[in-house]
Amino acid sequence: MEKFELQANEEALARRAKKKPFPKRNKITVVPVYCKGCSLCVDVCPTGTLLLEDDPENKFGVSIKVDAEEYCIGCKMCEDRCPDFAIFVNYEDNENENVKVEEGKQ
Protein backbone atom coordinates (compact mmCIF):
# COMPACT_ATOMS: atom_id res chain seq x y z
CA MET A 1 0.00 0.00 0.00
CA GLU A 2 1.04 3.59 -0.54
CA LYS A 3 2.06 5.92 2.27
CA PHE A 4 -1.23 7.87 2.21
CA GLU A 5 -3.20 4.60 2.42
CA LEU A 6 -1.23 3.45 5.44
CA GLN A 7 -1.78 6.86 7.03
CA ALA A 8 -5.56 6.58 6.43
CA ASN A 9 -5.54 3.21 8.23
CA GLU A 10 -3.54 4.62 11.16
CA GLU A 11 -5.97 7.52 11.55
CA ALA A 12 -8.95 5.15 11.41
CA LEU A 13 -7.43 2.93 14.09
CA ALA A 14 -6.76 6.00 16.25
CA ARG A 15 -10.44 7.02 15.97
CA ARG A 16 -11.53 3.49 16.84
CA ALA A 17 -9.31 3.45 19.95
CA LYS A 18 -11.39 6.34 21.32
CA LYS A 19 -14.72 4.53 20.81
CA LYS A 20 -16.53 1.57 22.31
CA PRO A 21 -18.40 -1.10 20.34
CA PHE A 22 -21.93 0.01 19.42
CA PRO A 23 -24.72 -2.01 21.10
CA LYS A 24 -26.79 -2.35 17.91
CA ARG A 25 -25.20 -4.46 15.19
CA ASN A 26 -25.13 -2.82 11.78
CA LYS A 27 -24.47 -4.74 8.59
CA ILE A 28 -21.96 -3.25 6.18
CA THR A 29 -21.85 -4.62 2.65
CA VAL A 30 -18.91 -3.88 0.37
CA VAL A 31 -18.97 -4.56 -3.38
CA PRO A 32 -15.25 -5.05 -4.11
CA VAL A 33 -15.73 -4.90 -7.88
CA TYR A 34 -16.94 -1.29 -7.57
CA CYS A 35 -14.33 -0.18 -5.01
CA LYS A 36 -11.35 1.72 -6.36
CA GLY A 37 -9.68 2.12 -2.96
CA CYS A 38 -9.91 5.92 -2.86
CA SER A 39 -10.14 5.81 0.99
CA LEU A 40 -12.91 8.43 1.18
CA CYS A 41 -15.08 6.07 3.25
CA VAL A 42 -12.17 5.24 5.56
CA ASP A 43 -11.46 8.95 6.08
CA VAL A 44 -15.08 9.89 6.81
CA CYS A 45 -15.96 7.00 9.17
CA PRO A 46 -16.18 8.47 12.69
CA THR A 47 -15.51 5.13 14.39
CA GLY A 48 -12.69 3.63 12.31
CA THR A 49 -14.78 0.66 11.22
CA LEU A 50 -13.28 0.49 7.72
CA LEU A 51 -9.68 -0.01 6.64
CA LEU A 52 -7.84 -0.26 3.33
CA GLU A 53 -6.14 -3.51 2.37
CA ASP A 54 -4.02 -4.77 -0.48
CA ASP A 55 -6.25 -6.55 -2.97
CA PRO A 56 -4.46 -8.19 -5.91
CA GLU A 57 -7.81 -9.04 -7.53
CA ASN A 58 -8.84 -5.37 -7.64
CA LYS A 59 -7.61 -3.52 -10.72
CA PHE A 60 -6.40 -0.67 -8.49
CA GLY A 61 -4.52 -3.03 -6.15
CA VAL A 62 -6.31 -1.87 -3.00
CA SER A 63 -9.81 -2.15 -1.60
CA ILE A 64 -11.65 -1.48 1.63
CA LYS A 65 -12.49 -4.06 4.24
CA VAL A 66 -14.86 -4.02 7.17
CA ASP A 67 -12.35 -4.43 9.96
CA ALA A 68 -14.55 -3.89 13.04
CA GLU A 69 -18.26 -4.05 12.20
CA GLU A 70 -19.13 -3.98 15.90
CA TYR A 71 -18.03 -0.32 16.03
CA CYS A 72 -20.35 0.80 13.21
CA ILE A 73 -22.97 3.27 14.46
CA GLY A 74 -25.03 3.11 11.26
CA CYS A 75 -24.54 6.77 10.32
CA LYS A 76 -24.10 5.87 6.61
CA MET A 77 -21.48 8.56 6.09
CA CYS A 78 -19.32 6.02 4.26
CA GLU A 79 -22.21 5.07 1.99
CA ASP A 80 -22.98 8.71 1.22
CA ARG A 81 -19.33 9.58 0.56
CA CYS A 82 -18.54 6.64 -1.74
CA PRO A 83 -18.45 7.92 -5.34
CA ASP A 84 -18.74 4.39 -6.75
CA PHE A 85 -21.67 3.03 -4.71
CA ALA A 86 -19.42 0.26 -3.41
CA ILE A 87 -20.62 0.27 0.20
CA PHE A 88 -24.03 -0.13 1.81
CA VAL A 89 -25.06 0.05 5.46
CA ASN A 90 -28.09 -1.91 6.71
CA TYR A 91 -29.44 -2.21 3.17
CA GLU A 92 -31.62 -5.25 3.94
CA ASP A 93 -33.09 -3.60 7.06
CA ASN A 94 -33.97 -0.45 5.10
CA GLU A 95 -35.76 -2.45 2.42
CA ASN A 96 -37.84 -4.23 5.07
CA GLU A 97 -38.75 -0.92 6.71
CA ASN A 98 -39.85 0.53 3.37
CA VAL A 99 -42.10 -2.46 2.73
CA LYS A 100 -43.70 -2.07 6.17
CA VAL A 101 -44.37 1.63 5.54
CA GLU A 102 -45.93 0.93 2.15
CA GLU A 103 -48.09 -1.86 3.59
CA GLY A 104 -49.31 0.48 6.33
CA LYS A 105 -50.47 3.07 3.76
CA GLN A 106 -52.77 0.67 1.92
PDB file of N, CA and C in Angstrom:
ATOM      1  N   MET A   1       0.838  -1.181   0.000  1.00  0.00           N
ATOM      2  CA  MET A   1       0.000   0.000   0.000  1.00  0.00           C
ATOM      3  C   MET A   1       0.884   1.245   0.000  1.00  0.00           C
ATOM      4  N   GLU A   2       0.341   2.318  -0.497  1.00  0.00           N
ATOM      5  CA  GLU A   2       1.041   3.592  -0.545  1.00  0.00           C
ATOM      6  C   GLU A   2       1.062   4.239   0.842  1.00  0.00           C
ATOM      7  N   LYS A   3       1.905   5.238   0.985  1.00  0.00           N
ATOM      8  CA  LYS A   3       2.064   5.924   2.266  1.00  0.00           C
ATOM      9  C   LYS A   3       0.752   6.561   2.735  1.00  0.00           C
ATOM     10  N   PHE A   4       0.014   7.205   1.818  1.00  0.00           N
ATOM     11  CA  PHE A   4      -1.234   7.869   2.215  1.00  0.00           C
ATOM     12  C   PHE A   4      -2.302   6.842   2.623  1.00  0.00           C
ATOM     13  N   GLU A   5      -2.245   5.654   2.037  1.00  0.00           N
ATOM     14  CA  GLU A   5      -3.201   4.601   2.416  1.00  0.00           C
ATOM     15  C   GLU A   5      -2.896   4.057   3.810  1.00  0.00           C
ATOM     16  N   LEU A   6      -1.625   3.882   4.097  1.00  0.00           N
ATOM     17  CA  LEU A   6      -1.226   3.446   5.440  1.00  0.00           C
ATOM     18  C   LEU A   6      -1.589   4.496   6.484  1.00  0.00           C
ATOM     19  N   GLN A   7      -1.427   5.768   6.122  1.00  0.00           N
ATOM     20  CA  GLN A   7      -1.781   6.856   7.033  1.00  0.00           C
ATOM     21  C   GLN A   7      -3.292   6.876   7.290  1.00  0.00           C
ATOM     22  N   ALA A   8      -4.098   6.634   6.260  1.00  0.00           N
ATOM     23  CA  ALA A   8      -5.557   6.578   6.430  1.00  0.00           C
ATOM     24  C   ALA A   8      -5.935   5.470   7.404  1.00  0.00           C
ATOM     25  N   ASN A   9      -5.272   4.317   7.303  1.00  0.00           N
ATOM     26  CA  ASN A   9      -5.536   3.214   8.230  1.00  0.00           C
ATOM     27  C   ASN A   9      -5.133   3.576   9.659  1.00  0.00           C
ATOM     28  N   GLU A  10      -3.989   4.216   9.820  1.00  0.00           N
ATOM     29  CA  GLU A  10      -3.538   4.615  11.155  1.00  0.00           C
ATOM     30  C   GLU A  10      -4.515   5.594  11.802  1.00  0.00           C
ATOM     31  N   GLU A  11      -5.009   6.549  11.021  1.00  0.00           N
ATOM     32  CA  GLU A  11      -5.971   7.520  11.547  1.00  0.00           C
ATOM     33  C   GLU A  11      -7.293   6.844  11.917  1.00  0.00           C
ATOM     34  N   ALA A  12      -7.720   5.881  11.111  1.00  0.00           N
ATOM     35  CA  ALA A  12      -8.954   5.146  11.406  1.00  0.00           C
ATOM     36  C   ALA A  12      -8.801   4.345  12.693  1.00  0.00           C
ATOM     37  N   LEU A  13      -7.663   3.707  12.863  1.00  0.00           N
ATOM     38  CA  LEU A  13      -7.431   2.932  14.090  1.00  0.00           C
ATOM     39  C   LEU A  13      -7.359   3.841  15.319  1.00  0.00           C
ATOM     40  N   ALA A  14      -6.818   5.039  15.147  1.00  0.00           N
ATOM     41  CA  ALA A  14      -6.763   5.998  16.253  1.00  0.00           C
ATOM     42  C   ALA A  14      -8.176   6.436  16.650  1.00  0.00           C
ATOM     43  N   ARG A  15      -9.051   6.665  15.658  1.00  0.00           N
ATOM     44  CA  ARG A  15     -10.444   7.020  15.969  1.00  0.00           C
ATOM     45  C   ARG A  15     -11.148   5.865  16.677  1.00  0.00           C
ATOM     46  N   ARG A  16     -10.887   4.648  16.228  1.00  0.00           N
ATOM     47  CA  ARG A  16     -11.532   3.490  16.841  1.00  0.00           C
ATOM     48  C   ARG A  16     -11.084   3.306  18.293  1.00  0.00           C
ATOM     49  N   ALA A  17      -9.836   3.609  18.589  1.00  0.00           N
ATOM     50  CA  ALA A  17      -9.314   3.449  19.949  1.00  0.00           C
ATOM     51  C   ALA A  17     -10.054   4.341  20.949  1.00  0.00           C
ATOM     52  N   LYS A  18     -10.654   5.421  20.458  1.00  0.00           N
ATOM     53  CA  LYS A  18     -11.387   6.342  21.324  1.00  0.00           C
ATOM     54  C   LYS A  18     -12.851   5.954  21.504  1.00  0.00           C
ATOM     55  N   LYS A  19     -13.301   4.927  20.803  1.00  0.00           N
ATOM     56  CA  LYS A  19     -14.716   4.529  20.814  1.00  0.00           C
ATOM     57  C   LYS A  19     -14.903   3.189  21.513  1.00  0.00           C
ATOM     58  N   LYS A  20     -16.150   2.879  21.777  1.00  0.00           N
ATOM     59  CA  LYS A  20     -16.534   1.571  22.306  1.00  0.00           C
ATOM     60  C   LYS A  20     -17.432   0.903  21.274  1.00  0.00           C
ATOM     61  N   PRO A  21     -17.486  -0.428  21.279  1.00  0.00           N
ATOM     62  CA  PRO A  21     -18.400  -1.100  20.344  1.00  0.00           C
ATOM     63  C   PRO A  21     -19.831  -0.599  20.527  1.00  0.00           C
ATOM     64  N   PHE A  22     -20.550  -0.479  19.423  1.00  0.00           N
ATOM     65  CA  PHE A  22     -21.927   0.012  19.421  1.00  0.00           C
ATOM     66  C   PHE A  22     -22.865  -1.136  19.783  1.00  0.00           C
ATOM     67  N   PRO A  23     -23.849  -0.909  20.661  1.00  0.00           N
ATOM     68  CA  PRO A  23     -24.720  -2.007  21.101  1.00  0.00           C
ATOM     69  C   PRO A  23     -25.566  -2.623  19.986  1.00  0.00           C
ATOM     70  N   LYS A  24     -25.994  -1.813  19.026  1.00  0.00           N
ATOM     71  CA  LYS A  24     -26.790  -2.347  17.908  1.00  0.00           C
ATOM     72  C   LYS A  24     -25.843  -2.775  16.794  1.00  0.00           C
ATOM     73  N   ARG A  25     -26.037  -3.975  16.290  1.00  0.00           N
ATOM     74  CA  ARG A  25     -25.201  -4.458  15.189  1.00  0.00           C
ATOM     75  C   ARG A  25     -25.707  -3.902  13.865  1.00  0.00           C
ATOM     76  N   ASN A  26     -24.811  -3.332  13.115  1.00  0.00           N
ATOM     77  CA  ASN A  26     -25.129  -2.820  11.785  1.00  0.00           C
ATOM     78  C   ASN A  26     -24.413  -3.673  10.754  1.00  0.00           C
ATOM     79  N   LYS A  27     -25.063  -3.929   9.655  1.00  0.00           N
ATOM     80  CA  LYS A  27     -24.474  -4.741   8.594  1.00  0.00           C
ATOM     81  C   LYS A  27     -23.904  -3.825   7.520  1.00  0.00           C
ATOM     82  N   ILE A  28     -22.630  -4.021   7.219  1.00  0.00           N
ATOM     83  CA  ILE A  28     -21.958  -3.252   6.184  1.00  0.00           C
ATOM     84  C   ILE A  28     -21.656  -4.196   5.027  1.00  0.00           C
ATOM     85  N   THR A  29     -22.095  -3.819   3.841  1.00  0.00           N
ATOM     86  CA  THR A  29     -21.850  -4.617   2.648  1.00  0.00           C
ATOM     87  C   THR A  29     -20.939  -3.846   1.715  1.00  0.00           C
ATOM     88  N   VAL A  30     -19.856  -4.487   1.299  1.00  0.00           N
ATOM     89  CA  VAL A  30     -18.909  -3.878   0.368  1.00  0.00           C
ATOM     90  C   VAL A  30     -18.954  -4.665  -0.939  1.00  0.00           C
ATOM     91  N   VAL A  31     -19.014  -3.943  -2.049  1.00  0.00           N
ATOM     92  CA  VAL A  31     -18.969  -4.563  -3.376  1.00  0.00           C
ATOM     93  C   VAL A  31     -17.556  -4.305  -3.921  1.00  0.00           C
ATOM     94  N   PRO A  32     -16.656  -5.277  -3.746  1.00  0.00           N
ATOM     95  CA  PRO A  32     -15.249  -5.048  -4.114  1.00  0.00           C
ATOM     96  C   PRO A  32     -15.036  -4.698  -5.589  1.00  0.00           C
ATOM     97  N   VAL A  33     -15.880  -5.180  -6.458  1.00  0.00           N
ATOM     98  CA  VAL A  33     -15.726  -4.901  -7.882  1.00  0.00           C
ATOM     99  C   VAL A  33     -15.879  -3.406  -8.159  1.00  0.00           C
ATOM    100  N   TYR A  34     -16.709  -2.726  -7.380  1.00  0.00           N
ATOM    101  CA  TYR A  34     -16.936  -1.292  -7.573  1.00  0.00           C
ATOM    102  C   TYR A  34     -15.893  -0.423  -6.860  1.00  0.00           C
ATOM    103  N   CYS A  35     -15.254  -0.966  -5.833  1.00  0.00           N
ATOM    104  CA  CYS A  35     -14.334  -0.181  -5.006  1.00  0.00           C
ATOM    105  C   CYS A  35     -13.025   0.087  -5.739  1.00  0.00           C
ATOM    106  N   LYS A  36     -12.623   1.367  -5.749  1.00  0.00           N
ATOM    107  CA  LYS A  36     -11.345   1.724  -6.357  1.00  0.00           C
ATOM    108  C   LYS A  36     -10.293   2.067  -5.299  1.00  0.00           C
ATOM    109  N   GLY A  37     -10.642   1.899  -4.020  1.00  0.00           N
ATOM    110  CA  GLY A  37      -9.680   2.121  -2.955  1.00  0.00           C
ATOM    111  C   GLY A  37      -9.287   3.570  -2.762  1.00  0.00           C
ATOM    112  N   CYS A  38     -10.218   4.483  -2.971  1.00  0.00           N
ATOM    113  CA  CYS A  38      -9.908   5.916  -2.860  1.00  0.00           C
ATOM    114  C   CYS A  38      -9.757   6.371  -1.406  1.00  0.00           C
ATOM    115  N   SER A  39     -10.225   5.588  -0.467  1.00  0.00           N
ATOM    116  CA  SER A  39     -10.139   5.807   0.988  1.00  0.00           C
ATOM    117  C   SER A  39     -11.069   6.897   1.513  1.00  0.00           C
ATOM    118  N   LEU A  40     -11.992   7.394   0.700  1.00  0.00           N
ATOM    119  CA  LEU A  40     -12.913   8.425   1.180  1.00  0.00           C
ATOM    120  C   LEU A  40     -13.787   7.890   2.315  1.00  0.00           C
ATOM    121  N   CYS A  41     -14.239   6.654   2.204  1.00  0.00           N
ATOM    122  CA  CYS A  41     -15.082   6.072   3.254  1.00  0.00           C
ATOM    123  C   CYS A  41     -14.285   5.854   4.538  1.00  0.00           C
ATOM    124  N   VAL A  42     -13.029   5.454   4.390  1.00  0.00           N
ATOM    125  CA  VAL A  42     -12.167   5.240   5.560  1.00  0.00           C
ATOM    126  C   VAL A  42     -11.939   6.569   6.271  1.00  0.00           C
ATOM    127  N   ASP A  43     -11.716   7.625   5.509  1.00  0.00           N
ATOM    128  CA  ASP A  43     -11.460   8.951   6.081  1.00  0.00           C
ATOM    129  C   ASP A  43     -12.675   9.529   6.788  1.00  0.00           C
ATOM    130  N   VAL A  44     -13.874   9.261   6.275  1.00  0.00           N
ATOM    131  CA  VAL A  44     -15.080   9.894   6.815  1.00  0.00           C
ATOM    132  C   VAL A  44     -15.695   9.098   7.975  1.00  0.00           C
ATOM    133  N   CYS A  45     -15.362   7.828   8.110  1.00  0.00           N
ATOM    134  CA  CYS A  45     -15.959   7.002   9.169  1.00  0.00           C
ATOM    135  C   CYS A  45     -15.548   7.507  10.546  1.00  0.00           C
ATOM    136  N   PRO A  46     -16.521   7.906  11.382  1.00  0.00           N
ATOM    137  CA  PRO A  46     -16.182   8.473  12.686  1.00  0.00           C
ATOM    138  C   PRO A  46     -15.700   7.440  13.705  1.00  0.00           C
ATOM    139  N   THR A  47     -15.877   6.158  13.415  1.00  0.00           N
ATOM    140  CA  THR A  47     -15.507   5.125  14.390  1.00  0.00           C
ATOM    141  C   THR A  47     -14.373   4.222  13.941  1.00  0.00           C
ATOM    142  N   GLY A  48     -13.814   4.451  12.769  1.00  0.00           N
ATOM    143  CA  GLY A  48     -12.690   3.631  12.313  1.00  0.00           C
ATOM    144  C   GLY A  48     -13.076   2.199  11.992  1.00  0.00           C
ATOM    145  N   THR A  49     -14.284   2.007  11.529  1.00  0.00           N
ATOM    146  CA  THR A  49     -14.778   0.662  11.222  1.00  0.00           C
ATOM    147  C   THR A  49     -14.128   0.085   9.967  1.00  0.00           C
ATOM    148  N   LEU A  50     -13.803   0.931   9.014  1.00  0.00           N
ATOM    149  CA  LEU A  50     -13.279   0.493   7.722  1.00  0.00           C
ATOM    150  C   LEU A  50     -11.779   0.734   7.623  1.00  0.00           C
ATOM    151  N   LEU A  51     -11.105  -0.164   6.910  1.00  0.00           N
ATOM    152  CA  LEU A  51      -9.681  -0.011   6.640  1.00  0.00           C
ATOM    153  C   LEU A  51      -9.408  -0.367   5.184  1.00  0.00           C
ATOM    154  N   LEU A  52      -8.305   0.113   4.668  1.00  0.00           N
ATOM    155  CA  LEU A  52      -7.842  -0.263   3.333  1.00  0.00           C
ATOM    156  C   LEU A  52      -6.972  -1.510   3.441  1.00  0.00           C
ATOM    157  N   GLU A  53      -7.001  -2.327   2.394  1.00  0.00           N
ATOM    158  CA  GLU A  53      -6.143  -3.508   2.371  1.00  0.00           C
ATOM    159  C   GLU A  53      -5.668  -3.745   0.943  1.00  0.00           C
ATOM    160  N   ASP A  54      -4.511  -4.378   0.835  1.00  0.00           N
ATOM    161  CA  ASP A  54      -4.024  -4.774  -0.478  1.00  0.00           C
ATOM    162  C   ASP A  54      -4.981  -5.802  -1.053  1.00  0.00           C
ATOM    163  N   ASP A  55      -5.318  -5.644  -2.312  1.00  0.00           N
ATOM    164  CA  ASP A  55      -6.253  -6.552  -2.970  1.00  0.00           C
ATOM    165  C   ASP A  55      -5.754  -6.814  -4.394  1.00  0.00           C
ATOM    166  N   PRO A  56      -5.023  -7.912  -4.581  1.00  0.00           N
ATOM    167  CA  PRO A  56      -4.461  -8.190  -5.911  1.00  0.00           C
ATOM    168  C   PRO A  56      -5.523  -8.449  -6.982  1.00  0.00           C
ATOM    169  N   GLU A  57      -6.739  -8.787  -6.569  1.00  0.00           N
ATOM    170  CA  GLU A  57      -7.810  -9.035  -7.530  1.00  0.00           C
ATOM    171  C   GLU A  57      -8.462  -7.739  -8.008  1.00  0.00           C
ATOM    172  N   ASN A  58      -8.285  -6.660  -7.259  1.00  0.00           N
ATOM    173  CA  ASN A  58      -8.838  -5.365  -7.643  1.00  0.00           C
ATOM    174  C   ASN A  58      -7.905  -4.711  -8.653  1.00  0.00           C
ATOM    175  N   LYS A  59      -8.460  -4.107  -9.675  1.00  0.00           N
ATOM    176  CA  LYS A  59      -7.615  -3.517 -10.722  1.00  0.00           C
ATOM    177  C   LYS A  59      -6.783  -2.344 -10.217  1.00  0.00           C
ATOM    178  N   PHE A  60      -7.163  -1.768  -9.072  1.00  0.00           N
ATOM    179  CA  PHE A  60      -6.400  -0.669  -8.490  1.00  0.00           C
ATOM    180  C   PHE A  60      -5.412  -1.154  -7.431  1.00  0.00           C
ATOM    181  N   GLY A  61      -5.469  -2.439  -7.085  1.00  0.00           N
ATOM    182  CA  GLY A  61      -4.521  -3.029  -6.147  1.00  0.00           C
ATOM    183  C   GLY A  61      -4.854  -2.846  -4.686  1.00  0.00           C
ATOM    184  N   VAL A  62      -5.914  -2.101  -4.393  1.00  0.00           N
ATOM    185  CA  VAL A  62      -6.305  -1.869  -2.999  1.00  0.00           C
ATOM    186  C   VAL A  62      -7.826  -1.786  -2.933  1.00  0.00           C
ATOM    187  N   SER A  63      -8.371  -2.185  -1.802  1.00  0.00           N
ATOM    188  CA  SER A  63      -9.813  -2.152  -1.601  1.00  0.00           C
ATOM    189  C   SER A  63     -10.084  -1.914  -0.119  1.00  0.00           C
ATOM    190  N   ILE A  64     -11.337  -1.656   0.215  1.00  0.00           N
ATOM    191  CA  ILE A  64     -11.654  -1.483   1.632  1.00  0.00           C
ATOM    192  C   ILE A  64     -12.108  -2.809   2.223  1.00  0.00           C
ATOM    193  N   LYS A  65     -11.969  -2.902   3.525  1.00  0.00           N
ATOM    194  CA  LYS A  65     -12.486  -4.063   4.243  1.00  0.00           C
ATOM    195  C   LYS A  65     -13.174  -3.569   5.500  1.00  0.00           C
ATOM    196  N   VAL A  66     -14.168  -4.311   5.913  1.00  0.00           N
ATOM    197  CA  VAL A  66     -14.855  -4.016   7.168  1.00  0.00           C
ATOM    198  C   VAL A  66     -14.029  -4.688   8.253  1.00  0.00           C
ATOM    199  N   ASP A  67     -13.290  -3.889   8.992  1.00  0.00           N
ATOM    200  CA  ASP A  67     -12.351  -4.432   9.959  1.00  0.00           C
ATOM    201  C   ASP A  67     -12.975  -4.633  11.335  1.00  0.00           C
ATOM    202  N   ALA A  68     -13.948  -3.809  11.698  1.00  0.00           N
ATOM    203  CA  ALA A  68     -14.547  -3.893  13.038  1.00  0.00           C
ATOM    204  C   ALA A  68     -16.011  -3.486  12.960  1.00  0.00           C
ATOM    205  N   GLU A  69     -16.842  -4.365  12.409  1.00  0.00           N
ATOM    206  CA  GLU A  69     -18.258  -4.052  12.199  1.00  0.00           C
ATOM    207  C   GLU A  69     -18.976  -3.715  13.505  1.00  0.00           C
ATOM    208  N   GLU A  70     -18.482  -4.243  14.609  1.00  0.00           N
ATOM    209  CA  GLU A  70     -19.127  -3.980  15.903  1.00  0.00           C
ATOM    210  C   GLU A  70     -19.021  -2.511  16.337  1.00  0.00           C
ATOM    211  N   TYR A  71     -18.164  -1.742  15.706  1.00  0.00           N
ATOM    212  CA  TYR A  71     -18.029  -0.318  16.028  1.00  0.00           C
ATOM    213  C   TYR A  71     -18.926   0.568  15.163  1.00  0.00           C
ATOM    214  N   CYS A  72     -19.517   0.013  14.127  1.00  0.00           N
ATOM    215  CA  CYS A  72     -20.348   0.798  13.209  1.00  0.00           C
ATOM    216  C   CYS A  72     -21.585   1.341  13.927  1.00  0.00           C
ATOM    217  N   ILE A  73     -21.815   2.646  13.812  1.00  0.00           N
ATOM    218  CA  ILE A  73     -22.974   3.271  14.458  1.00  0.00           C
ATOM    219  C   ILE A  73     -24.137   3.456  13.486  1.00  0.00           C
ATOM    220  N   GLY A  74     -23.952   3.035  12.232  1.00  0.00           N
ATOM    221  CA  GLY A  74     -25.034   3.112  11.258  1.00  0.00           C
ATOM    222  C   GLY A  74     -25.302   4.509  10.724  1.00  0.00           C
ATOM    223  N   CYS A  75     -24.339   5.388  10.763  1.00  0.00           N
ATOM    224  CA  CYS A  75     -24.537   6.774  10.320  1.00  0.00           C
ATOM    225  C   CYS A  75     -24.614   6.900   8.797  1.00  0.00           C
ATOM    226  N   LYS A  76     -24.096   5.934   8.078  1.00  0.00           N
ATOM    227  CA  LYS A  76     -24.105   5.874   6.611  1.00  0.00           C
ATOM    228  C   LYS A  76     -23.265   6.961   5.944  1.00  0.00           C
ATOM    229  N   MET A  77     -22.355   7.555   6.691  1.00  0.00           N
ATOM    230  CA  MET A  77     -21.478   8.564   6.091  1.00  0.00           C
ATOM    231  C   MET A  77     -20.591   7.933   5.019  1.00  0.00           C
ATOM    232  N   CYS A  78     -20.153   6.702   5.252  1.00  0.00           N
ATOM    233  CA  CYS A  78     -19.319   6.016   4.262  1.00  0.00           C
ATOM    234  C   CYS A  78     -20.103   5.764   2.979  1.00  0.00           C
ATOM    235  N   GLU A  79     -21.345   5.343   3.149  1.00  0.00           N
ATOM    236  CA  GLU A  79     -22.210   5.073   1.992  1.00  0.00           C
ATOM    237  C   GLU A  79     -22.463   6.356   1.192  1.00  0.00           C
ATOM    238  N   ASP A  80     -22.726   7.440   1.890  1.00  0.00           N
ATOM    239  CA  ASP A  80     -22.985   8.715   1.224  1.00  0.00           C
ATOM    240  C   ASP A  80     -21.748   9.268   0.523  1.00  0.00           C
ATOM    241  N   ARG A  81     -20.582   9.012   1.087  1.00  0.00           N
ATOM    242  CA  ARG A  81     -19.334   9.582   0.562  1.00  0.00           C
ATOM    243  C   ARG A  81     -18.757   8.780  -0.605  1.00  0.00           C
ATOM    244  N   CYS A  82     -19.115   7.507  -0.710  1.00  0.00           N
ATOM    245  CA  CYS A  82     -18.538   6.644  -1.742  1.00  0.00           C
ATOM    246  C   CYS A  82     -19.003   7.085  -3.139  1.00  0.00           C
ATOM    247  N   PRO A  83     -18.066   7.473  -4.004  1.00  0.00           N
ATOM    248  CA  PRO A  83     -18.454   7.921  -5.343  1.00  0.00           C
ATOM    249  C   PRO A  83     -18.830   6.770  -6.283  1.00  0.00           C
ATOM    250  N   ASP A  84     -18.527   5.546  -5.879  1.00  0.00           N
ATOM    251  CA  ASP A  84     -18.742   4.393  -6.754  1.00  0.00           C
ATOM    252  C   ASP A  84     -19.848   3.453  -6.281  1.00  0.00           C
ATOM    253  N   PHE A  85     -20.577   3.845  -5.249  1.00  0.00           N
ATOM    254  CA  PHE A  85     -21.673   3.032  -4.707  1.00  0.00           C
ATOM    255  C   PHE A  85     -21.194   1.620  -4.360  1.00  0.00           C
ATOM    256  N   ALA A  86     -20.033   1.544  -3.729  1.00  0.00           N
ATOM    257  CA  ALA A  86     -19.421   0.258  -3.407  1.00  0.00           C
ATOM    258  C   ALA A  86     -19.702  -0.193  -1.983  1.00  0.00           C
ATOM    259  N   ILE A  87     -20.397   0.618  -1.206  1.00  0.00           N
ATOM    260  CA  ILE A  87     -20.624   0.272   0.196  1.00  0.00           C
ATOM    261  C   ILE A  87     -22.056   0.607   0.591  1.00  0.00           C
ATOM    262  N   PHE A  88     -22.653  -0.291   1.354  1.00  0.00           N
ATOM    263  CA  PHE A  88     -24.033  -0.133   1.809  1.00  0.00           C
ATOM    264  C   PHE A  88     -24.108  -0.474   3.290  1.00  0.00           C
ATOM    265  N   VAL A  89     -24.886   0.292   4.034  1.00  0.00           N
ATOM    266  CA  VAL A  89     -25.064   0.053   5.462  1.00  0.00           C
ATOM    267  C   VAL A  89     -26.518  -0.301   5.731  1.00  0.00           C
ATOM    268  N   ASN A  90     -26.747  -1.447   6.335  1.00  0.00           N
ATOM    269  CA  ASN A  90     -28.089  -1.911   6.713  1.00  0.00           C
ATOM    270  C   ASN A  90     -29.061  -1.907   5.542  1.00  0.00           C
ATOM    271  N   TYR A  91     -28.594  -2.270   4.370  1.00  0.00           N
ATOM    272  CA  TYR A  91     -29.435  -2.215   3.174  1.00  0.00           C
ATOM    273  C   TYR A  91     -30.667  -3.106   3.308  1.00  0.00           C
ATOM    274  N   GLU A  92     -30.490  -4.326   3.808  1.00  0.00           N
ATOM    275  CA  GLU A  92     -31.622  -5.247   3.944  1.00  0.00           C
ATOM    276  C   GLU A  92     -32.643  -4.721   4.948  1.00  0.00           C
ATOM    277  N   ASP A  93     -32.181  -4.152   6.054  1.00  0.00           N
ATOM    278  CA  ASP A  93     -33.091  -3.597   7.059  1.00  0.00           C
ATOM    279  C   ASP A  93     -33.904  -2.445   6.477  1.00  0.00           C
ATOM    280  N   ASN A  94     -33.264  -1.589   5.696  1.00  0.00           N
ATOM    281  CA  ASN A  94     -33.966  -0.448   5.099  1.00  0.00           C
ATOM    282  C   ASN A  94     -35.037  -0.906   4.130  1.00  0.00           C
ATOM    283  N   GLU A  95     -34.755  -1.941   3.350  1.00  0.00           N
ATOM    284  CA  GLU A  95     -35.760  -2.453   2.421  1.00  0.00           C
ATOM    285  C   GLU A  95     -36.971  -2.980   3.180  1.00  0.00           C
ATOM    286  N   ASN A  96     -36.734  -3.699   4.275  1.00  0.00           N
ATOM    287  CA  ASN A  96     -37.837  -4.234   5.072  1.00  0.00           C
ATOM    288  C   ASN A  96     -38.673  -3.115   5.689  1.00  0.00           C
ATOM    289  N   GLU A  97     -38.022  -2.041   6.141  1.00  0.00           N
ATOM    290  CA  GLU A  97     -38.751  -0.915   6.714  1.00  0.00           C
ATOM    291  C   GLU A  97     -39.616  -0.236   5.657  1.00  0.00           C
ATOM    292  N   ASN A  98     -39.095  -0.099   4.443  1.00  0.00           N
ATOM    293  CA  ASN A  98     -39.850   0.529   3.371  1.00  0.00           C
ATOM    294  C   ASN A  98     -41.077  -0.295   3.022  1.00  0.00           C
ATOM    295  N   VAL A  99     -40.961  -1.594   3.028  1.00  0.00           N
ATOM    296  CA  VAL A  99     -42.099  -2.462   2.733  1.00  0.00           C
ATOM    297  C   VAL A  99     -43.168  -2.300   3.807  1.00  0.00           C
ATOM    298  N   LYS A 100     -42.748  -2.231   5.073  1.00  0.00           N
ATOM    299  CA  LYS A 100     -43.696  -2.068   6.171  1.00  0.00           C
ATOM    300  C   LYS A 100     -44.445  -0.749   6.050  1.00  0.00           C
ATOM    301  N   VAL A 101     -43.742   0.311   5.678  1.00  0.00           N
ATOM    302  CA  VAL A 101     -44.370   1.630   5.541  1.00  0.00           C
ATOM    303  C   VAL A 101     -45.389   1.588   4.414  1.00  0.00           C
ATOM    304  N   GLU A 102     -45.016   1.002   3.279  1.00  0.00           N
ATOM    305  CA  GLU A 102     -45.929   0.926   2.152  1.00  0.00           C
ATOM    306  C   GLU A 102     -47.151   0.082   2.479  1.00  0.00           C
ATOM    307  N   GLU A 103     -46.956  -1.013   3.219  1.00  0.00           N
ATOM    308  CA  GLU A 103     -48.086  -1.861   3.591  1.00  0.00           C
ATOM    309  C   GLU A 103     -49.037  -1.116   4.518  1.00  0.00           C
ATOM    310  N   GLY A 104     -48.482  -0.267   5.401  1.00  0.00           N
ATOM    311  CA  GLY A 104     -49.311   0.484   6.327  1.00  0.00           C
ATOM    312  C   GLY A 104     -50.172   1.538   5.644  1.00  0.00           C
ATOM    313  N   LYS A 105     -49.726   2.038   4.494  1.00  0.00           N
ATOM    314  CA  LYS A 105     -50.473   3.070   3.764  1.00  0.00           C
ATOM    315  C   LYS A 105     -51.720   2.514   3.070  1.00  0.00           C
ATOM    316  N   GLN A 106     -51.656   1.244   2.700  1.00  0.00           N
ATOM    317  CA  GLN A 106     -52.770   0.672   1.919  1.00  0.00           C
ATOM    318  C   GLN A 106     -54.001   0.464   2.713  1.00  0.00           C
TER     319      GLN A 106
END
